[in-house]
């Protein structure tokens, strides 16, 4: 067996798995998109771009795009900022890292549905602990997930809390893999901490941050579970994401 044939044999299982879990669903989605597909009837007539035309006529679709876009921007900024701060702190505290890193990763391991139910309890108007502490400092109880002004904020708080540990873990791995020589040279040249951070750390983290942005954007676009449990897209359509809109229509 030649080296090329051996490489083909080694890669083939991965190609087959990708074809089954990625390519086939993608092709089937394209098929459904151009057909009058209804699971209640056996016949599925070809409609071409008709489904897309109907979609673009609905104002609710544009609202779901706006909500999803808002979530992408807010979550990326908040998670990257908080994740970077936590990663830098753990980098400077090796002993604390062994204890706190596993604890900080717990929210990421919890199912989104569970996060949604926990959010309902935490932000409950009458008996929730969040409003209880607000009352202690003289602030009236807020209708977090049932208020048109606060519902999306409530979802964002829960999602940032859940996914910041993931961003932190990836950034920390990137920081730990950096060579130490450039930092030693920068200190010898008299660079301060801010200059080292902006001219060394951030540029070397560029590829890691790009990976995080891609992975998190794809996940945020698919947000469904937590909103379905917490707000069902409401009040009105204030938390209606693309995934939830697709499911409900």
Protein backbone atom coordinates (compact mmCIF):
# COMPACT_ATOMS: atom_id res chain seq x y z
CA UNK A 1 0.00 0.00 0.00
CA UNK A 2 1.42 3.36 -1.03
CA UNK A 3 1.62 6.33 1.33
CA UNK A 4 -1.21 8.07 -0.57
CA UNK A 5 -3.46 5.02 -0.28
CA UNK A 6 -2.64 4.69 3.42
CA UNK A 7 -3.55 8.34 3.98
CA UNK A 8 -6.83 7.80 2.11
CA UNK A 9 -7.72 4.82 4.29
CA UNK A 10 -6.98 6.80 7.46
CA UNK A 11 -9.05 9.79 6.36
CA UNK A 12 -11.98 7.78 4.96
CA UNK A 13 -13.73 7.08 8.33
CA UNK A 14 -13.72 10.79 9.14
CA UNK A 15 -15.13 11.63 5.71
CA UNK A 16 -17.90 9.06 6.16
CA UNK A 17 -18.82 10.40 9.61
CA UNK A 18 -18.89 13.99 8.30
CA UNK A 19 -21.03 12.91 5.37
CA UNK A 20 -23.55 11.30 7.71
CA UNK A 21 -23.79 14.00 10.39
CA UNK A 22 -23.10 17.14 8.33
CA UNK A 23 -23.39 16.78 4.56
CA UNK A 24 -26.53 14.63 4.43
CA UNK A 25 -28.53 16.86 6.82
CA UNK A 26 -27.38 19.90 4.85
CA UNK A 27 -28.54 18.42 1.54
CA UNK A 28 -31.83 17.30 3.09
CA UNK A 29 -32.37 20.84 4.43
CA UNK A 30 -31.89 22.23 0.93
CA UNK A 31 -34.38 19.69 -0.39
CA UNK A 32 -36.97 20.65 2.23
CA UNK A 33 -36.38 24.35 1.52
CA UNK A 34 -37.49 24.07 -2.12
CA UNK A 35 -40.38 21.68 -1.52
CA UNK A 36 -43.85 22.21 -0.09
CA UNK A 37 -42.86 19.92 2.74
CA UNK A 38 -45.52 18.94 5.26
CA UNK A 39 -45.13 15.84 7.44
CA UNK A 40 -48.92 15.53 7.64
CA UNK A 41 -49.31 14.74 3.93
CA UNK A 42 -47.42 12.19 1.78
CA UNK A 43 -46.95 14.44 -1.26
CA UNK A 44 -44.40 17.26 -1.28
CA UNK A 45 -44.73 19.45 -4.40
CA UNK A 46 -41.78 21.43 -5.71
CA UNK A 47 -42.20 25.15 -4.89
CA UNK A 48 -38.74 26.46 -5.81
CA UNK A 49 -38.01 29.75 -4.09
CA UNK A 50 -41.60 30.12 -2.92
CA UNK A 51 -40.75 29.30 0.68
CA UNK A 52 -38.06 31.97 0.72
CA UNK A 53 -40.40 34.56 -0.82
CA UNK A 54 -43.02 33.85 1.84
CA UNK A 55 -40.38 34.11 4.53
CA UNK A 56 -39.15 37.50 3.33
CA UNK A 57 -42.70 38.87 3.37
CA UNK A 58 -43.08 38.25 7.11
CA UNK A 59 -42.05 41.01 9.49
CA UNK A 60 -41.61 38.46 12.29
CA UNK A 61 -38.68 36.97 10.39
CA UNK A 62 -36.84 40.29 10.30
CA UNK A 63 -37.52 40.72 14.00
CA UNK A 64 -35.99 37.30 14.71
CA UNK A 65 -32.91 38.26 12.68
CA UNK A 66 -32.61 41.48 14.70
CA UNK A 67 -32.95 39.64 18.03
CA UNK A 68 -30.44 36.98 17.00
CA UNK A 69 -28.00 39.61 15.73
CA UNK A 70 -28.29 41.53 18.99
CA UNK A 71 -27.58 38.36 20.94
CA UNK A 72 -24.52 37.58 18.80
CA UNK A 73 -22.99 41.03 19.34
CA UNK A 74 -23.76 41.33 23.07
CA UNK A 75 -22.74 37.78 23.93
CA UNK A 76 -19.49 37.92 21.97
CA UNK A 77 -18.42 41.20 23.56
CA UNK A 78 -19.42 40.22 27.10
CA UNK A 79 -18.06 36.68 26.95
CA UNK A 80 -14.76 37.69 25.39
CA UNK A 81 -14.23 40.49 27.91
CA UNK A 82 -15.16 38.43 30.96
CA UNK A 83 -13.46 35.30 29.66
CA UNK A 84 -10.21 37.16 29.00
CA UNK A 85 -10.22 38.72 32.48
CA UNK A 86 -10.81 35.35 34.13
CA UNK A 87 -8.18 33.65 31.94
CA UNK A 88 -5.57 36.28 32.81
CA UNK A 89 -6.37 35.96 36.52
CA UNK A 90 -6.04 32.18 36.45
CA UNK A 91 -2.83 32.49 34.45
CA UNK A 92 -1.30 34.60 37.22
CA UNK A 93 -2.53 32.26 39.98
CA UNK A 94 -1.40 28.70 39.17
CA UNK A 95 -2.46 27.24 42.50
CA UNK A 96 -5.89 28.87 42.40
CA UNK A 97 -6.28 27.68 38.80
CA UNK A 98 -6.29 24.04 39.87
CA UNK A 99 -9.18 24.71 42.26
CA UNK A 100 -11.28 27.34 40.51
CA UNK A 101 -11.03 26.32 36.85
CA UNK A 102 -13.15 23.15 37.29
CA UNK A 103 -15.68 25.10 39.37
CA UNK A 104 -15.92 27.87 36.78
CA UNK A 105 -16.60 25.31 34.05
CA UNK A 106 -19.70 23.90 35.77
CA UNK A 107 -22.25 26.29 34.12
CA UNK A 108 -21.03 25.25 30.67
CA UNK A 109 -21.80 21.61 31.46
CA UNK A 110 -25.41 22.27 32.46
CA UNK A 111 -28.10 21.66 29.84
CA UNK A 112 -29.67 24.88 28.44
CA UNK A 113 -33.13 23.61 29.41
CA UNK A 114 -31.99 23.37 33.02
CA UNK A 115 -30.50 26.86 32.78
CA UNK A 116 -33.89 28.09 31.57
CA UNK A 117 -35.74 26.58 34.52
CA UNK A 118 -33.11 27.87 36.95
CA UNK A 119 -33.53 31.30 35.38
CA UNK A 120 -37.28 31.19 35.96
CA UNK A 121 -36.64 30.51 39.65
CA UNK A 122 -33.88 33.10 40.05
CA UNK A 123 -35.81 35.88 38.31
CA UNK A 124 -39.25 35.01 39.73
CA UNK A 125 -41.11 38.26 40.48
CA UNK A 126 -42.39 37.42 43.97
CA UNK A 127 -40.10 34.75 45.38
CA UNK A 128 -36.95 34.94 43.25
CA UNK A 129 -33.64 35.68 45.02
CA UNK A 130 -32.69 38.37 42.50
CA UNK A 131 -35.72 40.50 43.32
CA UNK A 132 -35.27 39.71 47.02
CA UNK A 133 -31.82 41.31 47.04
CA UNK A 134 -33.12 44.24 44.99
CA UNK A 135 -35.82 44.79 47.61
CA UNK A 136 -33.15 44.81 50.34
CA UNK A 137 -31.50 47.84 48.72
CA UNK A 138 -34.81 49.62 48.15
CA UNK A 139 -35.47 48.66 44.53
CA UNK A 140 -38.91 47.37 43.59
CA UNK A 141 -39.27 43.87 42.16
CA UNK A 142 -38.76 43.66 38.41
CA UNK A 143 -40.65 41.43 36.00
CA UNK A 144 -37.51 40.08 34.42
CA UNK A 145 -38.55 37.45 31.89
CA UNK A 146 -42.10 38.74 31.43
CA UNK A 147 -41.17 42.37 30.73
CA UNK A 148 -40.78 43.58 27.17
CA UNK A 149 -37.80 45.71 28.23
CA UNK A 150 -36.01 43.11 30.37
CA UNK A 151 -36.79 39.72 28.80
CA UNK A 152 -33.91 39.75 26.33
CA UNK A 153 -31.55 41.09 29.00
CA UNK A 154 -32.54 38.19 31.27
CA UNK A 155 -31.78 35.68 28.52
CA UNK A 156 -28.44 37.34 27.82
CA UNK A 157 -27.43 37.32 31.49
CA UNK A 158 -28.08 33.59 31.74
CA UNK A 159 -26.33 32.77 28.48
CA UNK A 160 -23.27 34.89 29.25
CA UNK A 161 -23.07 33.19 32.65
CA UNK A 162 -23.27 29.77 30.99
CA UNK A 163 -20.82 30.30 28.12
CA UNK A 164 -18.17 32.63 29.57
CA UNK A 165 -16.40 29.60 31.13
CA UNK A 166 -16.00 28.07 27.67
CA UNK A 167 -14.42 31.26 26.32
CA UNK A 168 -12.22 31.46 29.42
CA UNK A 169 -11.02 27.87 28.99
CA UNK A 170 -10.09 28.36 25.32
CA UNK A 171 -8.32 31.66 26.01
CA UNK A 172 -6.48 30.16 28.97
CA UNK A 173 -5.28 27.29 26.79
CA UNK A 174 -4.02 29.85 24.28
CA UNK A 175 -2.25 31.85 26.98
CA UNK A 176 -0.58 28.76 28.43
CA UNK A 177 0.72 27.75 25.00
CA UNK A 178 2.45 31.08 24.34
CA UNK A 179 6.27 31.14 24.30
CA UNK A 180 7.86 32.97 27.22
CA UNK A 181 10.84 34.42 25.30
CA UNK A 182 8.99 37.41 23.74
CA UNK A 183 7.73 38.43 27.20
CA UNK A 184 11.21 38.28 28.69
CA UNK A 185 12.57 40.38 25.83
CA UNK A 186 9.78 42.94 26.25
CA UNK A 187 10.49 43.29 29.97
CA UNK A 188 14.20 43.77 29.28
CA UNK A 189 13.29 46.52 26.79
CA UNK A 190 11.26 48.28 29.51
CA UNK A 191 7.73 47.57 28.27
CA UNK A 192 4.99 47.95 30.88
CA UNK A 193 2.13 45.51 31.49
CA UNK A 194 -0.32 47.33 29.21
CA UNK A 195 2.17 47.48 26.33
CA UNK A 196 2.95 43.79 26.73
CA UNK A 197 -0.76 42.97 26.73
CA UNK A 198 -1.65 45.06 23.67
CA UNK A 199 1.46 44.36 21.58
CA UNK A 200 2.20 40.76 22.52
CA UNK A 201 -0.66 38.94 24.21
CA UNK A 202 -3.57 40.12 22.05
CA UNK A 203 -1.78 39.66 18.70
CA UNK A 204 -0.73 36.13 19.67
CA UNK A 205 -4.31 35.38 20.75
CA UNK A 206 -5.74 36.55 17.42
CA UNK A 207 -6.21 33.06 15.97
CA UNK A 208 -7.72 31.80 19.24
CA UNK A 209 -10.15 34.72 19.41
CA UNK A 210 -11.13 34.17 15.77
CA UNK A 211 -11.90 30.53 16.54
CA UNK A 212 -13.99 31.56 19.56
CA UNK A 213 -15.94 34.12 17.53
CA UNK A 214 -16.77 31.54 14.85
CA UNK A 215 -17.76 28.81 17.32
CA UNK A 216 -19.81 31.09 19.54
CA UNK A 217 -21.56 32.79 16.62
CA UNK A 218 -22.68 29.44 15.23
CA UNK A 219 -23.96 28.37 18.65
CA UNK A 220 -25.74 31.66 19.38
CA UNK A 221 -27.56 31.56 16.04
CA UNK A 222 -28.97 28.18 17.08
CA UNK A 223 -30.22 29.42 20.47
CA UNK A 224 -33.49 27.67 21.21
CA UNK A 225 -33.78 25.68 24.46
CA UNK A 226 -33.29 28.37 27.07
CA UNK A 227 -35.64 30.83 25.33
CA UNK A 228 -38.27 28.15 24.74
CA UNK A 229 -38.31 27.38 28.47
CA UNK A 230 -37.87 30.91 29.80
CA UNK A 231 -39.91 33.21 27.54
CA UNK A 232 -41.23 31.20 24.56
CA UNK A 233 -40.07 34.08 22.38
CA UNK A 234 -42.07 36.67 24.28
CA UNK A 235 -43.26 38.99 25.54
CA UNK A 236 -44.66 39.51 22.08
CA UNK A 237 -41.64 38.65 19.97
CA UNK A 238 -38.94 40.42 21.99
CA UNK A 239 -36.88 37.23 22.42
CA UNK A 240 -37.86 35.46 19.20
CA UNK A 241 -34.65 34.03 17.71
CA UNK A 242 -34.29 32.58 14.22
CA UNK A 243 -34.25 29.01 15.55
CA UNK A 244 -37.36 29.49 17.67
CA UNK A 245 -39.16 31.32 14.85
CA UNK A 246 -38.37 28.45 12.48
CA UNK A 247 -39.70 25.95 14.99
CA UNK A 248 -42.92 27.84 15.72
CA UNK A 249 -43.73 28.50 12.05
